[in-house]
């Protein structure tokens, strides 16, 4: 996973100016993955089709970590373990993130914005 994105893409689920399209339960899953499990969240524009022929997308060698997710985690002052490791390896520089991007500041706000 790469950490080069600095701004969320046009239809990033973390954006506040995009019509919400996730279910509240999915936002909770993403939060558990990023905060509790200290995992990653690839930008959907950089994922690849799964090898089993299903419609699932997965991270590949050129996948980028979602900038919206990184911005939200930095707003919470809770960069996850992978972000901290990438920072120590000089693969990630939080100062390059566009913190003025229209991104939710909390997972609670993100959940509340969803319709179901």
N, C-alpha and C. Protein backbone atom coordinates (compact mmCIF):
# COMPACT_ATOMS: atom_id res chain seq x y z
N UNK A 1 0.85 -1.17 0.00
CA UNK A 1 0.00 0.00 0.00
C UNK A 1 0.89 1.23 0.00
N UNK A 2 0.51 2.18 -0.83
CA UNK A 2 1.24 3.45 -0.92
C UNK A 2 0.47 4.54 -0.19
N UNK A 3 1.14 5.58 0.20
CA UNK A 3 0.55 6.68 0.98
C UNK A 3 0.84 8.02 0.31
N UNK A 4 0.62 8.10 -1.00
CA UNK A 4 0.96 9.29 -1.77
C UNK A 4 -0.18 10.26 -1.99
N UNK A 5 -1.42 9.84 -1.82
CA UNK A 5 -2.55 10.74 -2.08
C UNK A 5 -2.62 11.82 -1.00
N UNK A 6 -2.96 13.02 -1.41
CA UNK A 6 -3.04 14.13 -0.46
C UNK A 6 -4.43 14.74 -0.38
N UNK A 7 -5.27 14.42 -1.36
CA UNK A 7 -6.64 14.94 -1.40
C UNK A 7 -7.59 13.77 -1.72
N UNK A 8 -8.80 13.82 -1.18
CA UNK A 8 -9.76 12.75 -1.50
C UNK A 8 -10.23 12.86 -2.95
N UNK A 9 -10.53 11.73 -3.55
CA UNK A 9 -11.02 11.73 -4.93
C UNK A 9 -12.44 12.31 -4.98
N UNK A 10 -12.95 12.49 -6.17
CA UNK A 10 -14.24 13.17 -6.37
C UNK A 10 -15.42 12.51 -5.68
N UNK A 11 -15.42 11.20 -5.57
CA UNK A 11 -16.55 10.52 -4.93
C UNK A 11 -16.11 9.69 -3.73
N UNK A 12 -15.14 10.19 -3.01
CA UNK A 12 -14.64 9.54 -1.80
C UNK A 12 -15.75 9.48 -0.76
N UNK A 13 -15.95 8.34 -0.11
CA UNK A 13 -17.02 8.23 0.89
C UNK A 13 -16.78 9.08 2.14
N UNK A 14 -15.57 9.60 2.30
CA UNK A 14 -15.26 10.44 3.46
C UNK A 14 -15.57 11.91 3.22
N UNK A 15 -15.94 12.28 2.00
CA UNK A 15 -16.22 13.67 1.66
C UNK A 15 -17.57 14.12 2.20
N UNK A 16 -17.61 15.34 2.66
CA UNK A 16 -18.86 15.91 3.17
C UNK A 16 -19.70 16.52 2.05
N UNK A 17 -19.11 16.77 0.90
CA UNK A 17 -19.83 17.41 -0.20
C UNK A 17 -20.27 16.43 -1.28
N UNK A 18 -20.27 15.14 -0.96
CA UNK A 18 -20.74 14.09 -1.86
C UNK A 18 -21.98 13.48 -1.24
N UNK A 19 -22.97 13.21 -2.06
CA UNK A 19 -24.18 12.58 -1.54
C UNK A 19 -23.81 11.26 -0.87
N UNK A 20 -24.17 11.09 0.40
CA UNK A 20 -23.80 9.86 1.13
C UNK A 20 -24.36 8.61 0.42
N UNK A 21 -23.53 7.59 0.33
CA UNK A 21 -23.96 6.37 -0.35
C UNK A 21 -23.63 5.10 0.43
N UNK A 22 -23.09 5.23 1.62
CA UNK A 22 -22.80 4.07 2.45
C UNK A 22 -23.91 3.84 3.47
N UNK A 23 -24.01 2.63 3.92
CA UNK A 23 -24.91 2.34 5.04
C UNK A 23 -24.16 2.65 6.33
N UNK A 24 -24.91 3.02 7.36
CA UNK A 24 -24.29 3.33 8.65
C UNK A 24 -23.45 2.16 9.15
N UNK A 25 -23.94 0.95 8.92
CA UNK A 25 -23.19 -0.24 9.36
C UNK A 25 -21.85 -0.34 8.64
N UNK A 26 -21.81 0.06 7.37
CA UNK A 26 -20.54 0.02 6.62
C UNK A 26 -19.56 1.04 7.19
N UNK A 27 -20.06 2.21 7.60
CA UNK A 27 -19.18 3.21 8.21
C UNK A 27 -18.59 2.66 9.50
N UNK A 28 -19.40 1.94 10.27
CA UNK A 28 -18.88 1.32 11.51
C UNK A 28 -17.80 0.29 11.19
N UNK A 29 -18.01 -0.49 10.12
CA UNK A 29 -17.00 -1.48 9.72
C UNK A 29 -15.69 -0.79 9.34
N UNK A 30 -15.81 0.31 8.60
CA UNK A 30 -14.61 1.05 8.18
C UNK A 30 -13.90 1.61 9.41
N UNK A 31 -14.67 2.16 10.35
CA UNK A 31 -14.08 2.69 11.58
C UNK A 31 -13.36 1.59 12.35
N UNK A 32 -14.00 0.43 12.49
CA UNK A 32 -13.35 -0.69 13.19
C UNK A 32 -12.05 -1.09 12.49
N UNK A 33 -12.08 -1.14 11.18
CA UNK A 33 -10.89 -1.51 10.41
C UNK A 33 -9.76 -0.50 10.64
N UNK A 34 -10.07 0.78 10.54
CA UNK A 34 -9.03 1.81 10.62
C UNK A 34 -8.56 2.10 12.04
N UNK A 35 -9.49 2.11 12.99
CA UNK A 35 -9.14 2.52 14.36
C UNK A 35 -8.86 1.30 15.23
N UNK A 36 -9.79 0.38 15.31
CA UNK A 36 -9.62 -0.76 16.21
C UNK A 36 -8.59 -1.77 15.69
N UNK A 37 -8.71 -2.14 14.43
CA UNK A 37 -7.81 -3.15 13.86
C UNK A 37 -6.54 -2.53 13.28
N UNK A 38 -6.48 -1.19 13.25
CA UNK A 38 -5.29 -0.50 12.75
C UNK A 38 -4.96 -0.88 11.31
N UNK A 39 -6.00 -1.10 10.51
CA UNK A 39 -5.81 -1.52 9.13
C UNK A 39 -5.71 -0.37 8.15
N UNK A 40 -5.79 -0.71 6.89
CA UNK A 40 -5.72 0.28 5.82
C UNK A 40 -7.04 0.34 5.09
N UNK A 41 -7.21 1.38 4.30
CA UNK A 41 -8.42 1.55 3.49
C UNK A 41 -7.97 2.09 2.14
N UNK A 42 -7.90 1.22 1.13
CA UNK A 42 -7.41 1.68 -0.17
C UNK A 42 -8.42 2.57 -0.88
N UNK A 43 -7.91 3.56 -1.59
CA UNK A 43 -8.77 4.39 -2.45
C UNK A 43 -9.37 3.46 -3.50
N UNK A 44 -10.68 3.52 -3.65
CA UNK A 44 -11.35 2.61 -4.57
C UNK A 44 -10.88 2.78 -6.01
N UNK A 45 -10.35 3.94 -6.34
CA UNK A 45 -9.86 4.17 -7.70
C UNK A 45 -8.52 3.48 -7.95
N UNK A 46 -7.91 2.95 -6.90
CA UNK A 46 -6.61 2.28 -7.05
C UNK A 46 -6.68 0.80 -6.71
N UNK A 47 -7.88 0.25 -6.57
CA UNK A 47 -8.02 -1.17 -6.27
C UNK A 47 -8.07 -1.98 -7.57
N UNK A 48 -7.95 -3.27 -7.42
CA UNK A 48 -8.01 -4.18 -8.57
C UNK A 48 -9.10 -5.21 -8.32
N UNK A 49 -9.57 -5.85 -9.39
CA UNK A 49 -10.57 -6.90 -9.25
C UNK A 49 -9.98 -8.08 -8.51
N UNK A 50 -10.81 -8.73 -7.71
CA UNK A 50 -10.34 -9.91 -6.99
C UNK A 50 -10.03 -11.03 -7.97
N UNK A 51 -9.17 -11.91 -7.55
CA UNK A 51 -8.74 -13.01 -8.43
C UNK A 51 -9.77 -14.12 -8.55
N UNK A 52 -10.77 -14.14 -7.66
CA UNK A 52 -11.74 -15.23 -7.69
C UNK A 52 -12.91 -14.98 -8.63
N UNK A 53 -12.84 -13.87 -9.38
CA UNK A 53 -13.90 -13.59 -10.35
C UNK A 53 -15.11 -12.90 -9.76
N UNK A 54 -15.13 -12.71 -8.45
CA UNK A 54 -16.23 -12.00 -7.82
C UNK A 54 -16.10 -10.51 -8.13
N UNK A 55 -17.12 -9.75 -7.78
CA UNK A 55 -17.10 -8.31 -8.03
C UNK A 55 -16.33 -7.55 -6.96
N UNK A 56 -15.71 -8.26 -6.05
CA UNK A 56 -14.97 -7.62 -4.97
C UNK A 56 -13.73 -6.92 -5.50
N UNK A 57 -13.38 -5.83 -4.85
CA UNK A 57 -12.16 -5.12 -5.18
C UNK A 57 -11.18 -5.32 -4.05
N UNK A 58 -9.91 -5.32 -4.37
CA UNK A 58 -8.90 -5.50 -3.34
C UNK A 58 -7.69 -4.63 -3.64
N UNK A 59 -6.87 -4.43 -2.63
CA UNK A 59 -5.66 -3.64 -2.80
C UNK A 59 -4.66 -4.42 -3.63
N UNK A 60 -3.95 -3.72 -4.49
CA UNK A 60 -2.89 -4.31 -5.29
C UNK A 60 -1.58 -3.60 -4.99
N UNK A 61 -0.51 -3.96 -5.67
CA UNK A 61 0.79 -3.36 -5.39
C UNK A 61 0.85 -1.85 -5.66
N UNK A 62 -0.04 -1.35 -6.51
CA UNK A 62 -0.04 0.08 -6.81
C UNK A 62 -1.16 0.83 -6.09
N UNK A 63 -1.84 0.14 -5.17
CA UNK A 63 -2.94 0.78 -4.46
C UNK A 63 -2.44 1.88 -3.54
N UNK A 64 -3.26 2.90 -3.41
CA UNK A 64 -2.98 4.04 -2.54
C UNK A 64 -3.95 4.02 -1.37
N UNK A 65 -3.46 4.42 -0.21
CA UNK A 65 -4.35 4.56 0.94
C UNK A 65 -5.26 5.74 0.68
N UNK A 66 -6.52 5.61 1.03
CA UNK A 66 -7.52 6.66 0.82
C UNK A 66 -7.12 7.93 1.57
N UNK A 67 -7.02 9.05 0.84
CA UNK A 67 -6.65 10.33 1.45
C UNK A 67 -7.74 10.80 2.40
N UNK A 68 -9.00 10.58 2.05
CA UNK A 68 -10.10 10.98 2.94
C UNK A 68 -10.01 10.30 4.28
N UNK A 69 -9.68 9.02 4.27
CA UNK A 69 -9.53 8.27 5.53
C UNK A 69 -8.35 8.81 6.33
N UNK A 70 -7.25 9.10 5.66
CA UNK A 70 -6.08 9.63 6.37
C UNK A 70 -6.38 10.99 6.97
N UNK A 71 -7.09 11.84 6.23
CA UNK A 71 -7.43 13.17 6.74
C UNK A 71 -8.32 13.05 7.96
N UNK A 72 -9.35 12.19 7.89
CA UNK A 72 -10.23 12.00 9.05
C UNK A 72 -9.44 11.51 10.26
N UNK A 73 -8.57 10.53 10.07
CA UNK A 73 -7.77 10.02 11.19
C UNK A 73 -6.83 11.08 11.75
N UNK A 74 -6.28 11.91 10.89
CA UNK A 74 -5.41 13.00 11.37
C UNK A 74 -6.24 14.05 12.12
N UNK A 75 -7.47 14.31 11.68
CA UNK A 75 -8.35 15.24 12.40
C UNK A 75 -8.63 14.72 13.81
N UNK A 76 -8.77 13.42 13.93
CA UNK A 76 -9.01 12.80 15.23
C UNK A 76 -7.72 12.68 16.05
N UNK A 77 -6.60 13.04 15.44
CA UNK A 77 -5.28 12.85 16.05
C UNK A 77 -5.06 11.39 16.43
N UNK A 78 -5.52 10.50 15.50
CA UNK A 78 -5.39 9.06 15.70
C UNK A 78 -4.90 8.38 14.43
N UNK A 79 -3.75 8.80 13.90
CA UNK A 79 -3.25 8.07 12.73
C UNK A 79 -3.06 6.61 13.12
N UNK A 80 -3.47 5.72 12.24
CA UNK A 80 -3.38 4.31 12.62
C UNK A 80 -1.96 3.78 12.48
N UNK A 81 -1.79 2.55 12.89
CA UNK A 81 -0.46 1.95 12.93
C UNK A 81 0.23 1.97 11.57
N UNK A 82 -0.51 1.64 10.51
CA UNK A 82 0.11 1.61 9.18
C UNK A 82 0.56 3.00 8.74
N UNK A 83 -0.20 4.03 9.09
CA UNK A 83 0.20 5.40 8.76
C UNK A 83 1.47 5.77 9.52
N UNK A 84 1.55 5.38 10.79
CA UNK A 84 2.72 5.70 11.60
C UNK A 84 3.96 4.96 11.09
N UNK A 85 3.77 3.69 10.71
CA UNK A 85 4.89 2.92 10.15
C UNK A 85 5.36 3.56 8.84
N UNK A 86 4.40 3.90 7.97
CA UNK A 86 4.75 4.52 6.69
C UNK A 86 5.46 5.86 6.91
N UNK A 87 5.05 6.58 7.94
CA UNK A 87 5.71 7.85 8.25
C UNK A 87 7.16 7.62 8.68
N UNK A 88 7.38 6.63 9.52
CA UNK A 88 8.74 6.33 9.97
C UNK A 88 9.64 5.88 8.81
N UNK A 89 9.04 5.21 7.84
CA UNK A 89 9.78 4.76 6.67
C UNK A 89 9.86 5.84 5.59
N UNK A 90 9.34 7.01 5.89
CA UNK A 90 9.32 8.16 4.98
C UNK A 90 8.51 7.88 3.72
N UNK A 91 7.47 7.05 3.89
CA UNK A 91 6.55 6.76 2.80
C UNK A 91 5.28 7.62 2.92
N UNK A 92 5.14 8.33 4.04
CA UNK A 92 3.94 9.12 4.31
C UNK A 92 4.35 10.38 5.06
N UNK A 93 3.82 11.51 4.61
CA UNK A 93 4.08 12.79 5.25
C UNK A 93 2.75 13.48 5.48
N UNK A 94 2.28 13.47 6.72
CA UNK A 94 0.97 14.03 7.03
C UNK A 94 0.88 15.51 6.70
N UNK A 95 1.99 16.23 6.66
CA UNK A 95 1.95 17.66 6.37
C UNK A 95 1.56 17.94 4.92
N UNK A 96 1.61 16.93 4.07
CA UNK A 96 1.23 17.11 2.67
C UNK A 96 -0.27 16.92 2.44
N UNK A 97 -0.99 16.39 3.43
CA UNK A 97 -2.43 16.22 3.29
C UNK A 97 -3.12 17.57 3.18
N UNK A 98 -4.11 17.66 2.30
CA UNK A 98 -4.89 18.88 2.18
C UNK A 98 -5.99 18.83 3.25
N UNK A 99 -5.66 19.37 4.41
CA UNK A 99 -6.58 19.31 5.55
C UNK A 99 -7.80 20.22 5.36
N UNK A 100 -7.78 21.05 4.33
CA UNK A 100 -8.95 21.89 4.03
C UNK A 100 -9.96 21.16 3.15
N UNK A 101 -9.64 19.97 2.77
CA UNK A 101 -10.57 19.18 1.94
C UNK A 101 -11.87 18.95 2.69
N UNK A 102 -12.98 18.89 1.96
CA UNK A 102 -14.28 18.66 2.60
C UNK A 102 -14.44 17.21 3.04
N UNK A 103 -13.90 16.90 4.21
CA UNK A 103 -13.91 15.54 4.75
C UNK A 103 -14.53 15.57 6.14
N UNK A 104 -15.29 14.54 6.47
CA UNK A 104 -15.86 14.43 7.81
C UNK A 104 -14.74 14.50 8.84
N UNK A 105 -15.03 15.13 9.95
CA UNK A 105 -14.03 15.28 11.02
C UNK A 105 -14.11 14.15 12.04
N UNK A 106 -15.24 13.43 12.05
CA UNK A 106 -15.41 12.30 12.96
C UNK A 106 -16.20 11.20 12.26
N UNK A 107 -16.05 9.99 12.76
CA UNK A 107 -16.86 8.88 12.23
C UNK A 107 -18.32 9.04 12.62
N UNK A 108 -18.58 9.65 13.78
CA UNK A 108 -19.96 9.89 14.20
C UNK A 108 -20.67 10.79 13.20
N UNK A 109 -20.02 11.86 12.78
CA UNK A 109 -20.60 12.77 11.78
C UNK A 109 -20.80 12.03 10.46
N UNK A 110 -19.88 11.18 10.10
CA UNK A 110 -19.99 10.42 8.86
C UNK A 110 -21.18 9.47 8.92
N UNK A 111 -21.36 8.79 10.06
CA UNK A 111 -22.51 7.89 10.21
C UNK A 111 -23.82 8.64 10.15
N UNK A 112 -23.88 9.80 10.83
CA UNK A 112 -25.12 10.57 10.87
C UNK A 112 -25.53 11.07 9.48
N UNK A 113 -24.57 11.30 8.62
CA UNK A 113 -24.87 11.80 7.28
C UNK A 113 -25.46 10.72 6.37
N UNK A 114 -25.23 9.47 6.70
CA UNK A 114 -25.73 8.36 5.85
C UNK A 114 -27.24 8.23 6.01
N UNK A 115 -27.90 7.74 4.98
CA UNK A 115 -29.35 7.64 5.00
C UNK A 115 -29.89 6.41 5.71
N UNK A 116 -29.11 5.35 5.74
CA UNK A 116 -29.63 4.14 6.40
C UNK A 116 -28.55 3.42 7.17
